[in-house]
Amino acid sequence: MQFKTLKTFDTAIEAYILKNRLEGEGISCFILDENIVTLNPLFNFAVGGIRLQVDEKDYEKAKLSFLK
């Protein structure tokens, strides 16, 4: 499986809202770098934010769902 970043966030709450919506539509996804950004928000710039990633095969479907 290859994963692709759908969107980056500054807070974990925003990431989990979209993650739950996507999982409700049957799209599996993962949140990366949540812990390091939550522990020290200044690391947000170093790691590129909290990333929500989806499988490449579901990317277009997830992108359309995200835009709703």
PDB file of N, CA and C in Angstrom:
ATOM      1  N   MET A   1       0.827  -1.184   0.000  1.00  0.00           N
ATOM      2  CA  MET A   1       0.000   0.000   0.000  1.00  0.00           C
ATOM      3  C   MET A   1       0.870   1.245   0.000  1.00  0.00           C
ATOM      4  N   GLN A   2       0.520   2.175  -0.821  1.00  0.00           N
ATOM      5  CA  GLN A   2       1.185   3.476  -0.846  1.00  0.00           C
ATOM      6  C   GLN A   2       0.221   4.506  -0.287  1.00  0.00           C
ATOM      7  N   PHE A   3       0.711   5.365   0.570  1.00  0.00           N
ATOM      8  CA  PHE A   3      -0.139   6.382   1.167  1.00  0.00           C
ATOM      9  C   PHE A   3       0.233   7.762   0.655  1.00  0.00           C
ATOM     10  N   LYS A   4      -0.777   8.607   0.607  1.00  0.00           N
ATOM     11  CA  LYS A   4      -0.615   9.949   0.079  1.00  0.00           C
ATOM     12  C   LYS A   4      -1.253  10.925   1.060  1.00  0.00           C
ATOM     13  N   THR A   5      -0.596  12.056   1.294  1.00  0.00           N
ATOM     14  CA  THR A   5      -1.132  13.054   2.216  1.00  0.00           C
ATOM     15  C   THR A   5      -2.297  13.780   1.564  1.00  0.00           C
ATOM     16  N   LEU A   6      -3.430  13.729   2.233  1.00  0.00           N
ATOM     17  CA  LEU A   6      -4.628  14.404   1.750  1.00  0.00           C
ATOM     18  C   LEU A   6      -4.644  15.858   2.210  1.00  0.00           C
ATOM     19  N   LYS A   7      -4.285  16.082   3.469  1.00  0.00           N
ATOM     20  CA  LYS A   7      -4.324  17.432   4.024  1.00  0.00           C
ATOM     21  C   LYS A   7      -3.433  17.480   5.256  1.00  0.00           C
ATOM     22  N   THR A   8      -2.909  18.659   5.562  1.00  0.00           N
ATOM     23  CA  THR A   8      -2.158  18.862   6.797  1.00  0.00           C
ATOM     24  C   THR A   8      -2.944  19.800   7.704  1.00  0.00           C
ATOM     25  N   PHE A   9      -2.745  19.619   9.010  1.00  0.00           N
ATOM     26  CA  PHE A   9      -3.494  20.377  10.017  1.00  0.00           C
ATOM     27  C   PHE A   9      -2.553  20.939  11.061  1.00  0.00           C
ATOM     28  N   ASP A  10      -3.026  21.967  11.758  1.00  0.00           N
ATOM     29  CA  ASP A  10      -2.281  22.536  12.877  1.00  0.00           C
ATOM     30  C   ASP A  10      -2.678  21.893  14.202  1.00  0.00           C
ATOM     31  N   THR A  11      -3.899  21.365  14.281  1.00  0.00           N
ATOM     32  CA  THR A  11      -4.366  20.735  15.515  1.00  0.00           C
ATOM     33  C   THR A  11      -4.899  19.331  15.222  1.00  0.00           C
ATOM     34  N   ALA A  12      -4.780  18.472  16.220  1.00  0.00           N
ATOM     35  CA  ALA A  12      -5.239  17.094  16.073  1.00  0.00           C
ATOM     36  C   ALA A  12      -6.761  17.026  15.964  1.00  0.00           C
ATOM     37  N   ILE A  13      -7.454  17.936  16.604  1.00  0.00           N
ATOM     38  CA  ILE A  13      -8.920  17.911  16.578  1.00  0.00           C
ATOM     39  C   ILE A  13      -9.429  18.042  15.150  1.00  0.00           C
ATOM     40  N   GLU A  14      -8.873  18.975  14.394  1.00  0.00           N
ATOM     41  CA  GLU A  14      -9.282  19.154  12.991  1.00  0.00           C
ATOM     42  C   GLU A  14      -9.011  17.887  12.186  1.00  0.00           C
ATOM     43  N   ALA A  15      -7.860  17.278  12.428  1.00  0.00           N
ATOM     44  CA  ALA A  15      -7.496  16.066  11.696  1.00  0.00           C
ATOM     45  C   ALA A  15      -8.466  14.924  12.002  1.00  0.00           C
ATOM     46  N   TYR A  16      -8.833  14.773  13.263  1.00  0.00           N
ATOM     47  CA  TYR A  16      -9.733  13.693  13.642  1.00  0.00           C
ATOM     48  C   TYR A  16     -11.153  13.903  13.124  1.00  0.00           C
ATOM     49  N   ILE A  17     -11.577  15.140  12.991  1.00  0.00           N
ATOM     50  CA  ILE A  17     -12.907  15.398  12.430  1.00  0.00           C
ATOM     51  C   ILE A  17     -12.979  14.874  10.998  1.00  0.00           C
ATOM     52  N   LEU A  18     -11.982  15.212  10.182  1.00  0.00           N
ATOM     53  CA  LEU A  18     -11.973  14.730   8.796  1.00  0.00           C
ATOM     54  C   LEU A  18     -11.738  13.229   8.741  1.00  0.00           C
ATOM     55  N   LYS A  19     -10.864  12.702   9.603  1.00  0.00           N
ATOM     56  CA  LYS A  19     -10.606  11.258   9.628  1.00  0.00           C
ATOM     57  C   LYS A  19     -11.890  10.481   9.905  1.00  0.00           C
ATOM     58  N   ASN A  20     -12.668  10.949  10.877  1.00  0.00           N
ATOM     59  CA  ASN A  20     -13.923  10.264  11.201  1.00  0.00           C
ATOM     60  C   ASN A  20     -14.919  10.336  10.054  1.00  0.00           C
ATOM     61  N   ARG A  21     -14.971  11.461   9.367  1.00  0.00           N
ATOM     62  CA  ARG A  21     -15.886  11.586   8.223  1.00  0.00           C
ATOM     63  C   ARG A  21     -15.474  10.625   7.107  1.00  0.00           C
ATOM     64  N   LEU A  22     -14.170  10.543   6.827  1.00  0.00           N
ATOM     65  CA  LEU A  22     -13.696   9.647   5.771  1.00  0.00           C
ATOM     66  C   LEU A  22     -13.922   8.183   6.142  1.00  0.00           C
ATOM     67  N   GLU A  23     -13.648   7.827   7.383  1.00  0.00           N
ATOM     68  CA  GLU A  23     -13.861   6.440   7.804  1.00  0.00           C
ATOM     69  C   GLU A  23     -15.338   6.078   7.764  1.00  0.00           C
ATOM     70  N   GLY A  24     -16.209   7.046   7.981  1.00  0.00           N
ATOM     71  CA  GLY A  24     -17.643   6.811   7.868  1.00  0.00           C
ATOM     72  C   GLY A  24     -18.063   6.484   6.450  1.00  0.00           C
ATOM     73  N   GLU A  25     -17.271   6.917   5.477  1.00  0.00           N
ATOM     74  CA  GLU A  25     -17.534   6.617   4.075  1.00  0.00           C
ATOM     75  C   GLU A  25     -16.744   5.414   3.584  1.00  0.00           C
ATOM     76  N   GLY A  26     -16.066   4.729   4.500  1.00  0.00           N
ATOM     77  CA  GLY A  26     -15.352   3.508   4.147  1.00  0.00           C
ATOM     78  C   GLY A  26     -13.938   3.731   3.637  1.00  0.00           C
ATOM     79  N   ILE A  27     -13.383   4.887   3.856  1.00  0.00           N
ATOM     80  CA  ILE A  27     -12.020   5.198   3.413  1.00  0.00           C
ATOM     81  C   ILE A  27     -11.099   5.107   4.622  1.00  0.00           C
ATOM     82  N   SER A  28     -10.151   4.179   4.571  1.00  0.00           N
ATOM     83  CA  SER A  28      -9.226   4.063   5.696  1.00  0.00           C
ATOM     84  C   SER A  28      -8.152   5.145   5.578  1.00  0.00           C
ATOM     85  N   CYS A  29      -7.790   5.712   6.723  1.00  0.00           N
ATOM     86  CA  CYS A  29      -6.798   6.787   6.723  1.00  0.00           C
ATOM     87  C   CYS A  29      -6.014   6.770   8.036  1.00  0.00           C
ATOM     88  N   PHE A  30      -4.901   7.484   8.030  1.00  0.00           N
ATOM     89  CA  PHE A  30      -3.995   7.508   9.165  1.00  0.00           C
ATOM     90  C   PHE A  30      -3.573   8.941   9.452  1.00  0.00           C
ATOM     91  N   ILE A  31      -3.332   9.220  10.724  1.00  0.00           N
ATOM     92  CA  ILE A  31      -2.848  10.532  11.134  1.00  0.00           C
ATOM     93  C   ILE A  31      -1.399  10.370  11.564  1.00  0.00           C
ATOM     94  N   LEU A  32      -0.527  11.180  10.995  1.00  0.00           N
ATOM     95  CA  LEU A  32       0.907  11.124  11.294  1.00  0.00           C
ATOM     96  C   LEU A  32       1.364  12.412  11.976  1.00  0.00           C
ATOM     97  N   ASP A  33       2.359  12.286  12.828  1.00  0.00           N
ATOM     98  CA  ASP A  33       3.014  13.393  13.524  1.00  0.00           C
ATOM     99  C   ASP A  33       2.102  14.125  14.501  1.00  0.00           C
ATOM    100  N   GLU A  34       1.039  13.462  14.915  1.00  0.00           N
ATOM    101  CA  GLU A  34       0.116  14.071  15.877  1.00  0.00           C
ATOM    102  C   GLU A  34       0.803  14.318  17.219  1.00  0.00           C
ATOM    103  N   ASN A  35       1.507  13.323  17.713  1.00  0.00           N
ATOM    104  CA  ASN A  35       2.094  13.433  19.052  1.00  0.00           C
ATOM    105  C   ASN A  35       3.167  14.512  19.140  1.00  0.00           C
ATOM    106  N   ILE A  36       4.049  14.558  18.175  1.00  0.00           N
ATOM    107  CA  ILE A  36       5.141  15.528  18.261  1.00  0.00           C
ATOM    108  C   ILE A  36       4.626  16.959  18.158  1.00  0.00           C
ATOM    109  N   VAL A  37       3.619  17.203  17.333  1.00  0.00           N
ATOM    110  CA  VAL A  37       3.068  18.545  17.189  1.00  0.00           C
ATOM    111  C   VAL A  37       2.250  18.916  18.422  1.00  0.00           C
ATOM    112  N   THR A  38       1.542  17.950  19.004  1.00  0.00           N
ATOM    113  CA  THR A  38       0.750  18.222  20.201  1.00  0.00           C
ATOM    114  C   THR A  38       1.659  18.528  21.396  1.00  0.00           C
ATOM    115  N   LEU A  39       2.759  17.804  21.520  1.00  0.00           N
ATOM    116  CA  LEU A  39       3.671  18.040  22.638  1.00  0.00           C
ATOM    117  C   LEU A  39       4.391  19.378  22.539  1.00  0.00           C
ATOM    118  N   ASN A  40       4.777  19.759  21.344  1.00  0.00           N
ATOM    119  CA  ASN A  40       5.462  21.031  21.156  1.00  0.00           C
ATOM    120  C   ASN A  40       5.004  21.644  19.836  1.00  0.00           C
ATOM    121  N   PRO A  41       4.080  22.583  19.890  1.00  0.00           N
ATOM    122  CA  PRO A  41       3.527  23.166  18.653  1.00  0.00           C
ATOM    123  C   PRO A  41       4.568  23.823  17.745  1.00  0.00           C
ATOM    124  N   LEU A  42       5.715  24.195  18.277  1.00  0.00           N
ATOM    125  CA  LEU A  42       6.751  24.791  17.434  1.00  0.00           C
ATOM    126  C   LEU A  42       7.345  23.779  16.458  1.00  0.00           C
ATOM    127  N   PHE A  43       7.232  22.495  16.776  1.00  0.00           N
ATOM    128  CA  PHE A  43       7.704  21.451  15.864  1.00  0.00           C
ATOM    129  C   PHE A  43       6.806  21.324  14.637  1.00  0.00           C
ATOM    130  N   ASN A  44       5.654  21.975  14.661  1.00  0.00           N
ATOM    131  CA  ASN A  44       4.721  21.941  13.535  1.00  0.00           C
ATOM    132  C   ASN A  44       5.427  22.354  12.246  1.00  0.00           C
ATOM    133  N   PHE A  45       6.255  23.370  12.330  1.00  0.00           N
ATOM    134  CA  PHE A  45       6.967  23.848  11.141  1.00  0.00           C
ATOM    135  C   PHE A  45       8.057  22.877  10.704  1.00  0.00           C
ATOM    136  N   ALA A  46       8.682  22.204  11.665  1.00  0.00           N
ATOM    137  CA  ALA A  46       9.770  21.279  11.342  1.00  0.00           C
ATOM    138  C   ALA A  46       9.274  20.014  10.655  1.00  0.00           C
ATOM    139  N   VAL A  47       8.132  19.485  11.100  1.00  0.00           N
ATOM    140  CA  VAL A  47       7.645  18.223  10.535  1.00  0.00           C
ATOM    141  C   VAL A  47       6.587  18.428   9.463  1.00  0.00           C
ATOM    142  N   GLY A  48       6.129  19.647   9.291  1.00  0.00           N
ATOM    143  CA  GLY A  48       5.153  19.911   8.238  1.00  0.00           C
ATOM    144  C   GLY A  48       3.714  19.760   8.675  1.00  0.00           C
ATOM    145  N   GLY A  49       3.453  19.806   9.974  1.00  0.00           N
ATOM    146  CA  GLY A  49       2.085  19.724  10.474  1.00  0.00           C
ATOM    147  C   GLY A  49       1.634  18.295  10.700  1.00  0.00           C
ATOM    148  N   ILE A  50       0.423  18.176  11.177  1.00  0.00           N
ATOM    149  CA  ILE A  50      -0.204  16.872  11.383  1.00  0.00           C
ATOM    150  C   ILE A  50      -0.786  16.443  10.042  1.00  0.00           C
ATOM    151  N   ARG A  51      -0.349  15.295   9.554  1.00  0.00           N
ATOM    152  CA  ARG A  51      -0.738  14.858   8.208  1.00  0.00           C
ATOM    153  C   ARG A  51      -1.801  13.772   8.254  1.00  0.00           C
ATOM    154  N   LEU A  52      -2.818  13.946   7.439  1.00  0.00           N
ATOM    155  CA  LEU A  52      -3.845  12.925   7.249  1.00  0.00           C
ATOM    156  C   LEU A  52      -3.537  12.239   5.929  1.00  0.00           C
ATOM    157  N   GLN A  53      -3.268  10.940   5.994  1.00  0.00           N
ATOM    158  CA  GLN A  53      -2.907  10.200   4.791  1.00  0.00           C
ATOM    159  C   GLN A  53      -3.939   9.127   4.479  1.00  0.00           C
ATOM    160  N   VAL A  54      -4.144   8.935   3.185  1.00  0.00           N
ATOM    161  CA  VAL A  54      -5.052   7.900   2.694  1.00  0.00           C
ATOM    162  C   VAL A  54      -4.307   7.048   1.675  1.00  0.00           C
ATOM    163  N   ASP A  55      -4.833   5.865   1.427  1.00  0.00           N
ATOM    164  CA  ASP A  55      -4.265   4.981   0.414  1.00  0.00           C
ATOM    165  C   ASP A  55      -4.412   5.647  -0.957  1.00  0.00           C
ATOM    166  N   GLU A  56      -3.417   5.483  -1.802  1.00  0.00           N
ATOM    167  CA  GLU A  56      -3.452   6.112  -3.137  1.00  0.00           C
ATOM    168  C   GLU A  56      -4.696   5.737  -3.922  1.00  0.00           C
ATOM    169  N   LYS A  57      -5.158   4.499  -3.781  1.00  0.00           N
ATOM    170  CA  LYS A  57      -6.337   4.072  -4.545  1.00  0.00           C
ATOM    171  C   LYS A  57      -7.609   4.789  -4.080  1.00  0.00           C
ATOM    172  N   ASP A  58      -7.625   5.277  -2.846  1.00  0.00           N
ATOM    173  CA  ASP A  58      -8.784   5.996  -2.307  1.00  0.00           C
ATOM    174  C   ASP A  58      -8.608   7.516  -2.338  1.00  0.00           C
ATOM    175  N   TYR A  59      -7.491   7.986  -2.866  1.00  0.00           N
ATOM    176  CA  TYR A  59      -7.169   9.415  -2.784  1.00  0.00           C
ATOM    177  C   TYR A  59      -8.218  10.299  -3.466  1.00  0.00           C
ATOM    178  N   GLU A  60      -8.598   9.970  -4.684  1.00  0.00           N
ATOM    179  CA  GLU A  60      -9.565  10.804  -5.415  1.00  0.00           C
ATOM    180  C   GLU A  60     -10.928  10.810  -4.725  1.00  0.00           C
ATOM    181  N   LYS A  61     -11.352   9.649  -4.254  1.00  0.00           N
ATOM    182  CA  LYS A  61     -12.626   9.554  -3.532  1.00  0.00           C
ATOM    183  C   LYS A  61     -12.569  10.390  -2.255  1.00  0.00           C
ATOM    184  N   ALA A  62     -11.448  10.318  -1.546  1.00  0.00           N
ATOM    185  CA  ALA A  62     -11.277  11.077  -0.308  1.00  0.00           C
ATOM    186  C   ALA A  62     -11.239  12.572  -0.586  1.00  0.00           C
ATOM    187  N   LYS A  63     -10.598  12.941  -1.666  1.00  0.00           N
ATOM    188  CA  LYS A  63     -10.507  14.366  -2.026  1.00  0.00           C
ATOM    189  C   LYS A  63     -11.883  14.930  -2.330  1.00  0.00           C
ATOM    190  N   LEU A  64     -12.694  14.174  -3.041  1.00  0.00           N
ATOM    191  CA  LEU A  64     -14.065  14.617  -3.339  1.00  0.00           C
ATOM    192  C   LEU A  64     -14.889  14.701  -2.057  1.00  0.00           C
ATOM    193  N   SER A  65     -14.707  13.749  -1.160  1.00  0.00           N
ATOM    194  CA  SER A  65     -15.430  13.754   0.105  1.00  0.00           C
ATOM    195  C   SER A  65     -14.997  14.934   0.970  1.00  0.00           C
ATOM    196  N   PHE A  66     -13.713  15.240   0.931  1.00  0.00           N
ATOM    197  CA  PHE A  66     -13.153  16.344   1.716  1.00  0.00           C
ATOM    198  C   PHE A  66     -13.711  17.684   1.254  1.00  0.00           C
ATOM    199  N   LEU A  67     -13.995  17.817  -0.027  1.00  0.00           N
ATOM    200  CA  LEU A  67     -14.487  19.076  -0.574  1.00  0.00           C
ATOM    201  C   LEU A  67     -15.960  19.317  -0.310  1.00  0.00           C
ATOM    202  N   LYS A  68     -16.694  18.302   0.130  1.00  0.00           N
ATOM    203  CA  LYS A  68     -18.133  18.457   0.389  1.00  0.00           C
ATOM    204  C   LYS A  68     -18.386  19.418   1.515  1.00  0.00           C
TER     205      LYS A  68
END
